[in-house]
Amino acid sequence: MSLNLIDLIKGQLGPALVSQAASQYGESESGISKAISGLLPAVVGGLANHSSNPAVLDAVTNPASHGLLSNLLGGTTNNSLVGNVVSSIFGDKVGAAVNAISSFAGVSSTTSNSLLGTVAAAALGSIGKYSADNNLDRNGVSKLLSDQKGIVSTLLPAGLSLASLGLGHFGSATENVKVTTPETPRQETPKVDVHRAGDTHVEVEKKNNGSILKWLLPLLLLLFAGWFLWKQCNKPKTTEVTTTSTDSANVMTDSTATMASDTVATNNDKVLQNIDLNGTTIKGYPNGLEMSLINFLKTDGYKNAADDEALKAKWYNFDNVNFVFGKSDQITPESKGQLENLAAILKAYPESKIKIGGYTDKKGDDAGNKVLSQKRAEFIKAELTKLGVGAQILGAEGYGEQFATVAESASDKEREADRKMAVRFAK
């Protein structure tokens, strides 16, 4: 029987790490543990599904992967090995996976995103070390990963599904089953030992999978549909909010300190509403970026400003933009809507000019924080330029942790206030 990689990796994600993560992210230990229990089979399953992907094999066989194990909570931020593997496994579904784990475990999406990086790093480090210790070449690593397909999907905790994680499936459940024909003697079906919830051993006879799937798949679909309807019915109700010209309260994360630096503070307690833009309609959050900018422009605040000095103290935070984990030049697909809204606003008020700013918290290296915030500010400017408003952008600057006010020793949740991408009017 092939090595169970989940058992290999679990040793790196034990009680000590759970306790440290709970303290660092301001979550309960049970929530952290529950999130890891869902992320681990998802990551290993994703690796198995991409066992021939050159990016995955490069990351596993790279000697630097071993070093990830020395600092799983603090040393993997913006690590290219981790970032490439997460992108290879989840693609544009990384947001769906993060949200599914957040809902399942009862932790914030920021924490869920951080733990995704931690679990991916633990997987890379553990598999990389095992491969090096056993002299496995790329073909050997590929086979080791591929061998996990038969067991990974059975280890997802109750309450999670492959679809909710944006992973589809981990391969056919009847893979490697030999079909009996008159010319081929019937072979004894192999049995797989599945380890779940302690030392319980479940023997799965693959010869019965065909008949089982006939009723199991519809049942699973029915259960998932029921779970989805239950979640929809139990969402907290939100009331209409009269919008004003105040800045948006939510901020985008943008720090090199922890894995959470790649996730924006979410708007789970708000709903998008229609906003009038000189006769056309765009969608934004109550008191969010769009309404704040439009209200200021409608009151002739920009026209009446004497010069840039009168505008520079007023920044408006993006509240619906996410960068892909470990990236400074790639945002998630759903983030493009707010950039398109901003471009529409600038086109509706062609005399207006803006400047883009990037900020981080105090965690991590000062110089590294400034570089990351600068790259992300320049990326936002480039995306807006593609939308036809480049002439109205007077600059993009990364300030790093220069204006951070929350102590470095504070929890990750508290430090969110300092992590943001923002825009201001300029002349």
Protein backbone atom coordinates (compact mmCIF):
# COMPACT_ATOMS: atom_id res chain seq x y z
CA MET A 1 0.00 0.00 0.00
CA SER A 2 1.30 3.50 -0.90
CA LEU A 3 2.28 6.10 1.68
CA ASN A 4 -0.61 8.17 3.08
CA LEU A 5 0.69 11.73 2.67
CA ILE A 6 -1.95 13.18 4.98
CA ASP A 7 -0.56 11.15 7.87
CA LEU A 8 2.93 12.37 6.92
CA ILE A 9 1.92 16.04 6.90
CA LYS A 10 -0.28 16.00 10.03
CA GLY A 11 2.80 15.83 12.21
CA GLN A 12 3.67 19.39 11.16
CA LEU A 13 0.21 20.73 12.04
CA GLY A 14 -0.11 19.51 15.61
CA PRO A 15 -1.42 21.11 18.82
CA ALA A 16 1.52 23.49 19.21
CA LEU A 17 0.92 25.08 15.81
CA VAL A 18 -2.86 25.16 16.38
CA SER A 19 -2.37 26.98 19.68
CA GLN A 20 0.08 29.45 18.17
CA ALA A 21 -2.21 30.13 15.18
CA ALA A 22 -5.23 30.65 17.45
CA SER A 23 -3.31 33.25 19.45
CA GLN A 24 -1.89 34.96 16.36
CA TYR A 25 -5.19 35.19 14.46
CA GLY A 26 -7.48 35.78 17.43
CA GLU A 27 -9.51 32.60 16.80
CA SER A 28 -10.47 29.61 18.93
CA GLU A 29 -8.24 26.54 18.84
CA SER A 30 -11.23 24.42 17.81
CA GLY A 31 -11.86 26.70 14.83
CA ILE A 32 -8.22 26.55 13.73
CA SER A 33 -8.16 22.76 14.09
CA LYS A 34 -11.40 22.41 12.15
CA ALA A 35 -10.13 24.61 9.33
CA ILE A 36 -6.91 22.58 9.04
CA SER A 37 -8.93 19.34 8.96
CA GLY A 38 -10.67 20.61 5.83
CA LEU A 39 -7.68 22.26 4.17
CA LEU A 40 -5.29 19.31 4.49
CA PRO A 41 -7.21 16.79 2.34
CA ALA A 42 -8.10 19.57 -0.10
CA VAL A 43 -4.44 20.55 -0.60
CA VAL A 44 -3.22 16.95 -0.86
CA GLY A 45 -6.08 16.14 -3.22
CA GLY A 46 -5.18 19.13 -5.35
CA LEU A 47 -1.56 17.99 -5.49
CA ALA A 48 -2.73 14.52 -6.51
CA ASN A 49 -4.91 15.98 -9.25
CA HIS A 50 -1.91 17.95 -10.55
CA SER A 51 0.71 15.26 -10.04
CA SER A 52 2.13 15.85 -13.54
CA ASN A 53 2.06 19.64 -13.37
CA PRO A 54 5.64 20.96 -13.82
CA ALA A 55 5.02 23.83 -11.37
CA VAL A 56 3.96 21.36 -8.65
CA LEU A 57 6.88 19.01 -9.30
CA ASP A 58 9.35 21.93 -9.37
CA ALA A 59 8.09 23.13 -5.99
CA VAL A 60 8.21 19.70 -4.33
CA THR A 61 11.68 18.82 -5.64
CA ASN A 62 13.14 22.26 -4.92
CA PRO A 63 15.56 21.92 -1.97
CA ALA A 64 14.18 25.18 -0.58
CA SER A 65 10.88 23.44 0.17
CA HIS A 66 12.45 21.78 3.24
CA GLY A 67 13.02 25.18 4.83
CA LEU A 68 9.30 25.94 4.88
CA LEU A 69 8.87 23.60 7.84
CA SER A 70 10.98 25.78 10.12
CA ASN A 71 8.48 28.65 10.27
CA LEU A 72 5.06 27.64 8.95
CA LEU A 73 3.15 30.57 10.44
CA GLY A 74 5.54 33.40 9.73
CA GLY A 75 8.00 32.40 7.05
CA THR A 76 5.86 31.55 4.05
CA THR A 77 4.32 34.92 3.17
CA ASN A 78 4.92 35.79 -0.49
CA ASN A 79 6.97 32.61 -0.88
CA SER A 80 6.98 31.78 -4.59
CA LEU A 81 6.95 28.01 -3.99
CA VAL A 82 3.79 28.21 -1.88
CA GLY A 83 2.13 30.80 -4.10
CA ASN A 84 2.75 28.81 -7.30
CA VAL A 85 1.41 25.60 -5.79
CA VAL A 86 -1.74 27.25 -4.40
CA SER A 87 -2.38 28.84 -7.81
CA SER A 88 -1.77 25.52 -9.59
CA ILE A 89 -4.18 23.63 -7.33
CA PHE A 90 -7.03 26.10 -7.03
CA GLY A 91 -6.60 28.52 -9.94
CA ASP A 92 -9.33 31.15 -9.86
CA LYS A 93 -11.28 29.06 -7.32
CA VAL A 94 -9.00 29.97 -4.41
CA GLY A 95 -11.58 32.49 -3.15
CA ALA A 96 -14.30 29.83 -3.17
CA ALA A 97 -12.07 27.44 -1.21
CA VAL A 98 -11.16 30.09 1.38
CA ASN A 99 -14.82 31.07 1.88
CA ALA A 100 -15.96 27.44 2.14
CA ILE A 101 -13.39 26.70 4.86
CA SER A 102 -14.22 29.96 6.66
CA SER A 103 -17.92 29.04 6.78
CA PHE A 104 -17.23 25.41 7.71
CA ALA A 105 -14.79 26.16 10.55
CA GLY A 106 -16.35 29.37 11.85
CA VAL A 107 -13.19 31.43 11.33
CA SER A 108 -12.69 34.64 9.37
CA SER A 109 -11.81 34.49 5.70
CA THR A 110 -8.55 36.22 6.59
CA THR A 111 -7.65 33.37 8.92
CA SER A 112 -8.82 30.78 6.40
CA ASN A 113 -6.57 32.28 3.73
CA SER A 114 -3.62 32.34 6.12
CA LEU A 115 -4.12 28.69 7.04
CA LEU A 116 -4.35 27.71 3.37
CA GLY A 117 -0.81 29.01 2.91
CA THR A 118 0.34 27.30 6.10
CA VAL A 119 -1.10 23.92 5.11
CA ALA A 120 0.29 24.22 1.56
CA ALA A 121 3.72 25.02 3.02
CA ALA A 122 3.52 22.05 5.41
CA ALA A 123 2.58 19.78 2.50
CA LEU A 124 5.42 21.03 0.30
CA GLY A 125 7.99 20.79 3.08
CA SER A 126 6.93 17.31 4.24
CA ILE A 127 6.64 15.79 0.77
CA GLY A 128 9.84 17.48 -0.38
CA LYS A 129 11.80 16.15 2.59
CA TYR A 130 10.37 12.65 2.18
CA SER A 131 11.25 12.67 -1.53
CA ALA A 132 14.81 13.81 -0.85
CA ASP A 133 15.32 11.28 1.95
CA ASN A 134 14.11 8.48 -0.31
CA ASN A 135 15.90 9.67 -3.47
CA LEU A 136 12.70 10.08 -5.48
CA ASP A 137 13.10 11.70 -8.90
CA ARG A 138 10.33 13.73 -10.57
CA ASN A 139 8.65 10.57 -11.87
CA GLY A 140 8.72 9.09 -8.38
CA VAL A 141 7.24 12.25 -6.87
CA SER A 142 4.54 12.32 -9.56
CA LYS A 143 3.57 8.71 -8.80
CA LEU A 144 3.58 9.37 -5.04
CA LEU A 145 1.15 12.26 -5.50
CA SER A 146 -1.04 10.42 -7.98
CA ASP A 147 -1.40 7.46 -5.61
CA GLN A 148 -3.33 9.70 -3.18
CA LYS A 149 -6.34 10.04 -5.50
CA GLY A 150 -8.05 6.93 -4.21
CA ILE A 151 -8.33 8.04 -0.60
CA VAL A 152 -8.27 11.83 -0.36
CA SER A 153 -11.90 12.56 -1.21
CA THR A 154 -13.06 10.18 1.54
CA LEU A 155 -11.18 12.20 4.17
CA LEU A 156 -13.03 15.50 3.74
CA PRO A 157 -14.88 16.26 6.99
CA ALA A 158 -18.65 16.13 7.05
CA GLY A 159 -20.00 19.51 6.00
CA LEU A 160 -17.47 20.05 3.20
CA SER A 161 -17.75 18.97 -0.40
CA LEU A 162 -15.37 19.01 -3.35
CA ALA A 163 -17.70 21.40 -5.15
CA SER A 164 -17.74 23.87 -2.24
CA LEU A 165 -13.93 23.95 -2.37
CA GLY A 166 -13.94 24.62 -6.11
CA LEU A 167 -12.04 21.39 -6.81
CA GLY A 168 -14.58 19.33 -8.74
CA HIS A 169 -13.34 15.81 -8.05
CA PHE A 170 -10.11 14.02 -7.21
CA GLY A 171 -10.40 11.41 -9.90
CA SER A 172 -12.64 8.44 -10.49
CA ALA A 173 -13.54 6.33 -7.48
CA THR A 174 -13.39 3.22 -9.66
CA GLU A 175 -9.91 3.91 -10.94
CA ASN A 176 -7.69 0.83 -11.31
CA VAL A 177 -10.62 -1.62 -11.05
CA LYS A 178 -10.15 -4.60 -13.37
CA VAL A 179 -13.17 -5.69 -15.40
CA THR A 180 -13.91 -9.41 -15.54
CA THR A 181 -14.44 -10.81 -19.05
CA PRO A 182 -14.66 -14.40 -20.38
CA GLU A 183 -11.04 -14.08 -21.53
CA THR A 184 -9.76 -12.49 -18.31
CA PRO A 185 -9.89 -14.39 -15.01
CA ARG A 186 -11.55 -12.42 -12.26
CA GLN A 187 -8.94 -10.64 -10.09
CA GLU A 188 -9.40 -10.09 -6.41
CA THR A 189 -10.32 -6.45 -5.86
CA PRO A 190 -7.73 -4.43 -3.90
CA LYS A 191 -8.82 -2.96 -0.59
CA VAL A 192 -7.88 0.47 0.68
CA ASP A 193 -7.36 1.23 4.37
CA VAL A 194 -8.81 4.66 5.09
CA HIS A 195 -7.68 6.46 8.27
CA ARG A 196 -10.26 8.90 9.58
CA ALA A 197 -11.30 10.01 13.07
CA GLY A 198 -8.59 8.19 14.95
CA ASP A 199 -7.56 4.63 14.16
CA THR A 200 -10.79 3.42 12.57
CA HIS A 201 -10.13 1.28 9.48
CA VAL A 202 -12.72 1.13 6.74
CA GLU A 203 -12.28 -1.44 3.99
CA VAL A 204 -13.65 -0.23 0.68
CA GLU A 205 -14.34 -2.91 -1.91
CA LYS A 206 -14.03 -1.20 -5.25
CA LYS A 207 -16.00 -3.89 -7.06
CA ASN A 208 -19.13 -2.50 -5.38
CA ASN A 209 -18.48 1.14 -6.31
CA GLY A 210 -20.57 0.99 -9.46
CA SER A 211 -23.75 0.03 -7.64
CA ILE A 212 -23.04 2.25 -4.64
CA LEU A 213 -22.55 5.33 -6.79
CA LYS A 214 -26.00 4.88 -8.32
CA TRP A 215 -27.64 5.93 -5.06
CA LEU A 216 -24.74 7.67 -3.26
CA LEU A 217 -24.21 10.50 -5.75
CA PRO A 218 -27.88 11.60 -5.81
CA LEU A 219 -27.92 11.44 -2.01
CA LEU A 220 -24.81 13.61 -1.75
CA LEU A 221 -26.27 16.11 -4.21
CA LEU A 222 -29.50 16.22 -2.19
CA LEU A 223 -27.60 16.78 1.06
CA PHE A 224 -25.49 19.54 -0.51
CA ALA A 225 -28.61 21.26 -1.87
CA GLY A 226 -30.21 21.09 1.58
CA TRP A 227 -27.07 22.53 3.21
CA PHE A 228 -26.97 25.36 0.67
CA LEU A 229 -30.63 26.27 1.24
CA TRP A 230 -30.10 26.17 5.01
CA LYS A 231 -27.15 28.57 4.72
CA GLN A 232 -29.17 30.94 2.57
CA CYS A 233 -32.10 30.93 4.99
CA ASN A 234 -29.86 31.63 7.98
CA LYS A 235 -27.91 34.54 6.56
CA PRO A 236 -28.12 37.60 8.83
CA LYS A 237 -30.62 40.16 7.62
CA THR A 238 -29.30 43.56 6.61
CA THR A 239 -31.22 46.77 6.62
CA GLU A 240 -31.07 49.57 4.07
CA VAL A 241 -28.41 52.12 4.97
CA THR A 242 -28.63 55.74 3.96
CA THR A 243 -25.32 56.38 2.26
CA THR A 244 -23.24 59.45 2.94
CA SER A 245 -19.87 60.68 1.82
CA THR A 246 -17.99 58.86 4.58
CA ASP A 247 -15.06 56.62 3.75
CA SER A 248 -15.69 52.89 3.47
CA ALA A 249 -15.03 51.08 6.73
CA ASN A 250 -13.58 47.92 5.21
CA VAL A 251 -9.97 47.82 4.07
CA MET A 252 -7.92 45.62 1.79
CA THR A 253 -5.20 43.54 3.38
CA ASP A 254 -1.73 44.26 2.07
CA SER A 255 1.01 43.02 4.41
CA THR A 256 4.08 40.85 4.10
CA ALA A 257 3.64 39.75 7.70
CA THR A 258 1.33 36.74 7.48
CA MET A 259 -0.61 34.68 4.95
CA ALA A 260 -3.61 36.90 5.71
CA SER A 261 -1.94 39.71 3.78
CA ASP A 262 -3.62 38.58 0.58
CA THR A 263 -7.26 38.79 1.60
CA VAL A 264 -9.48 41.87 1.83
CA ALA A 265 -11.70 42.36 4.86
CA THR A 266 -15.01 40.89 3.68
CA ASN A 267 -18.46 42.47 3.52
CA ASN A 268 -20.47 39.50 4.78
CA ASP A 269 -22.72 41.84 6.74
CA LYS A 270 -23.55 44.00 3.72
CA VAL A 271 -25.29 43.60 0.40
CA LEU A 272 -24.58 45.31 -2.89
CA GLN A 273 -27.01 48.05 -3.79
CA ASN A 274 -27.72 50.06 -6.93
CA ILE A 275 -25.90 53.41 -7.08
CA ASP A 276 -26.83 56.16 -9.52
CA LEU A 277 -23.95 57.50 -11.57
CA ASN A 278 -25.34 60.41 -13.57
CA GLY A 279 -28.22 58.35 -14.95
CA THR A 280 -26.46 55.00 -15.19
CA THR A 281 -26.41 52.34 -12.49
CA ILE A 282 -23.43 50.65 -10.83
CA LYS A 283 -23.39 48.36 -7.81
CA GLY A 284 -21.52 48.99 -4.59
CA TYR A 285 -21.71 48.56 -0.84
CA PRO A 286 -23.55 51.05 1.40
CA ASN A 287 -21.06 53.72 2.48
CA GLY A 288 -18.50 51.97 0.29
CA LEU A 289 -15.88 53.29 -2.10
CA GLU A 290 -18.20 54.03 -5.02
CA MET A 291 -20.82 56.00 -3.07
CA SER A 292 -18.18 57.92 -1.12
CA LEU A 293 -16.44 59.08 -4.31
CA ILE A 294 -19.69 59.96 -6.11
CA ASN A 295 -21.06 61.93 -3.16
CA PHE A 296 -17.87 63.98 -2.96
CA LEU A 297 -17.95 64.73 -6.69
CA LYS A 298 -21.67 65.58 -6.67
CA THR A 299 -21.15 68.18 -3.94
CA ASP A 300 -18.50 69.86 -6.12
CA GLY A 301 -15.93 69.04 -3.45
CA TYR A 302 -13.35 68.39 -6.14
CA LYS A 303 -14.10 71.53 -8.15
CA ASN A 304 -13.98 73.71 -5.06
CA ALA A 305 -10.66 72.35 -3.80
CA ALA A 306 -8.04 75.05 -4.26
CA ASP A 307 -5.10 72.71 -4.79
CA ASP A 308 -3.71 69.26 -4.03
CA GLU A 309 -3.01 70.20 -0.41
CA ALA A 310 -6.74 70.54 0.17
CA LEU A 311 -7.32 66.97 -1.08
CA LYS A 312 -4.37 64.93 0.15
CA ALA A 313 -5.73 64.17 3.63
CA LYS A 314 -8.89 62.46 2.35
CA TRP A 315 -8.32 58.80 1.33
CA TYR A 316 -11.03 56.29 0.32
CA ASN A 317 -10.36 52.61 0.97
CA PHE A 318 -11.08 49.89 -1.58
CA ASP A 319 -13.57 47.48 0.00
CA ASN A 320 -13.98 44.76 -2.62
CA VAL A 321 -10.54 44.03 -4.09
CA ASN A 322 -8.47 40.90 -3.34
CA PHE A 323 -5.00 40.01 -4.53
CA VAL A 324 -4.28 36.36 -5.29
CA PHE A 325 -2.25 34.71 -2.52
CA GLY A 326 1.43 35.63 -2.70
CA LYS A 327 0.95 37.92 -5.72
CA SER A 328 1.41 41.64 -6.25
CA ASP A 329 0.32 41.56 -9.89
CA GLN A 330 -2.84 39.43 -9.90
CA ILE A 331 -6.27 40.12 -8.40
CA THR A 332 -9.13 37.66 -8.09
CA PRO A 333 -11.79 37.76 -10.86
CA GLU A 334 -14.49 39.16 -8.58
CA SER A 335 -12.23 42.12 -7.72
CA LYS A 336 -12.34 43.51 -11.24
CA GLY A 337 -15.86 44.85 -10.70
CA GLN A 338 -14.75 47.57 -8.29
CA LEU A 339 -11.94 48.69 -10.59
CA GLU A 340 -14.46 48.88 -13.45
CA ASN A 341 -16.74 50.95 -11.19
CA LEU A 342 -13.89 53.33 -10.37
CA ALA A 343 -13.08 53.72 -14.07
CA ALA A 344 -16.76 54.46 -14.79
CA ILE A 345 -16.80 57.15 -12.10
CA LEU A 346 -13.68 58.81 -13.49
CA LYS A 347 -15.16 58.76 -17.00
CA ALA A 348 -18.37 60.34 -15.70
CA TYR A 349 -16.27 63.13 -14.14
CA PRO A 350 -13.44 63.54 -16.67
CA GLU A 351 -12.06 66.64 -14.97
CA SER A 352 -11.23 64.66 -11.82
CA LYS A 353 -7.80 63.24 -11.06
CA ILE A 354 -6.76 60.62 -8.50
CA LYS A 355 -3.75 59.10 -6.78
CA ILE A 356 -3.46 55.48 -5.58
CA GLY A 357 -1.86 54.48 -2.27
CA GLY A 358 -0.82 51.16 -0.75
CA TYR A 359 -0.31 50.48 2.97
CA THR A 360 0.77 47.60 5.22
CA ASP A 361 0.79 46.87 8.93
CA LYS A 362 3.91 46.90 11.12
CA LYS A 363 4.50 43.15 10.94
CA GLY A 364 7.47 41.98 8.90
CA ASP A 365 10.41 43.69 7.20
CA ASP A 366 10.04 47.46 6.68
CA ALA A 367 11.69 47.48 3.28
CA GLY A 368 9.78 44.43 2.11
CA ASN A 369 6.47 45.97 3.18
CA LYS A 370 7.22 49.14 1.22
CA VAL A 371 8.18 47.18 -1.92
CA LEU A 372 5.01 45.08 -1.78
CA SER A 373 2.73 48.08 -1.26
CA GLN A 374 4.44 49.94 -4.14
CA LYS A 375 4.03 47.01 -6.54
CA ARG A 376 0.37 46.64 -5.70
CA ALA A 377 -0.32 50.36 -6.07
CA GLU A 378 1.35 50.30 -9.49
CA PHE A 379 -0.67 47.23 -10.47
CA ILE A 380 -3.96 48.97 -9.61
CA LYS A 381 -2.84 51.96 -11.70
CA ALA A 382 -1.99 49.69 -14.64
CA GLU A 383 -5.38 47.96 -14.48
CA LEU A 384 -7.22 51.30 -14.44
CA THR A 385 -5.09 52.48 -17.36
CA LYS A 386 -6.27 49.46 -19.34
CA LEU A 387 -9.83 50.61 -18.62
CA GLY A 388 -9.14 53.95 -20.31
CA VAL A 389 -8.59 56.34 -17.41
CA GLY A 390 -4.79 56.37 -17.18
CA ALA A 391 -4.62 60.09 -17.95
CA GLN A 392 -6.62 60.80 -14.79
CA ILE A 393 -4.19 58.98 -12.48
CA LEU A 394 -1.46 61.30 -11.24
CA GLY A 395 0.49 58.72 -9.26
CA ALA A 396 0.67 55.41 -7.41
CA GLU A 397 2.73 55.17 -4.23
CA GLY A 398 3.35 52.44 -1.68
CA TYR A 399 3.78 53.73 1.86
CA GLY A 400 4.45 50.37 3.50
CA GLU A 401 4.01 50.62 7.26
CA GLN A 402 4.77 54.35 7.44
CA PHE A 403 1.27 55.24 8.61
CA ALA A 404 0.48 52.04 10.54
CA THR A 405 -0.88 52.66 14.03
CA VAL A 406 -1.57 49.17 15.44
CA ALA A 407 1.24 47.48 17.35
CA GLU A 408 3.14 44.67 15.64
CA SER A 409 2.34 42.43 18.61
CA ALA A 410 -1.43 42.88 18.14
CA SER A 411 -3.59 40.11 16.67
CA ASP A 412 -3.89 39.71 12.93
CA LYS A 413 -7.52 40.84 13.12
CA GLU A 414 -6.52 44.07 14.86
CA ARG A 415 -3.76 44.75 12.33
CA GLU A 416 -6.28 44.65 9.46
CA ALA A 417 -6.95 48.35 10.09
CA ASP A 418 -3.47 49.20 8.81
CA ARG A 419 -3.54 46.96 5.72
CA LYS A 420 -5.28 48.63 2.81
CA MET A 421 -5.23 49.92 -0.75
CA ALA A 422 -6.79 53.33 -1.12
CA VAL A 423 -7.45 56.18 -3.56
CA ARG A 424 -7.67 59.95 -3.13
CA PHE A 425 -8.49 62.86 -5.40
CA ALA A 426 -5.56 64.94 -6.58
CA LYS A 427 -4.78 68.08 -8.59
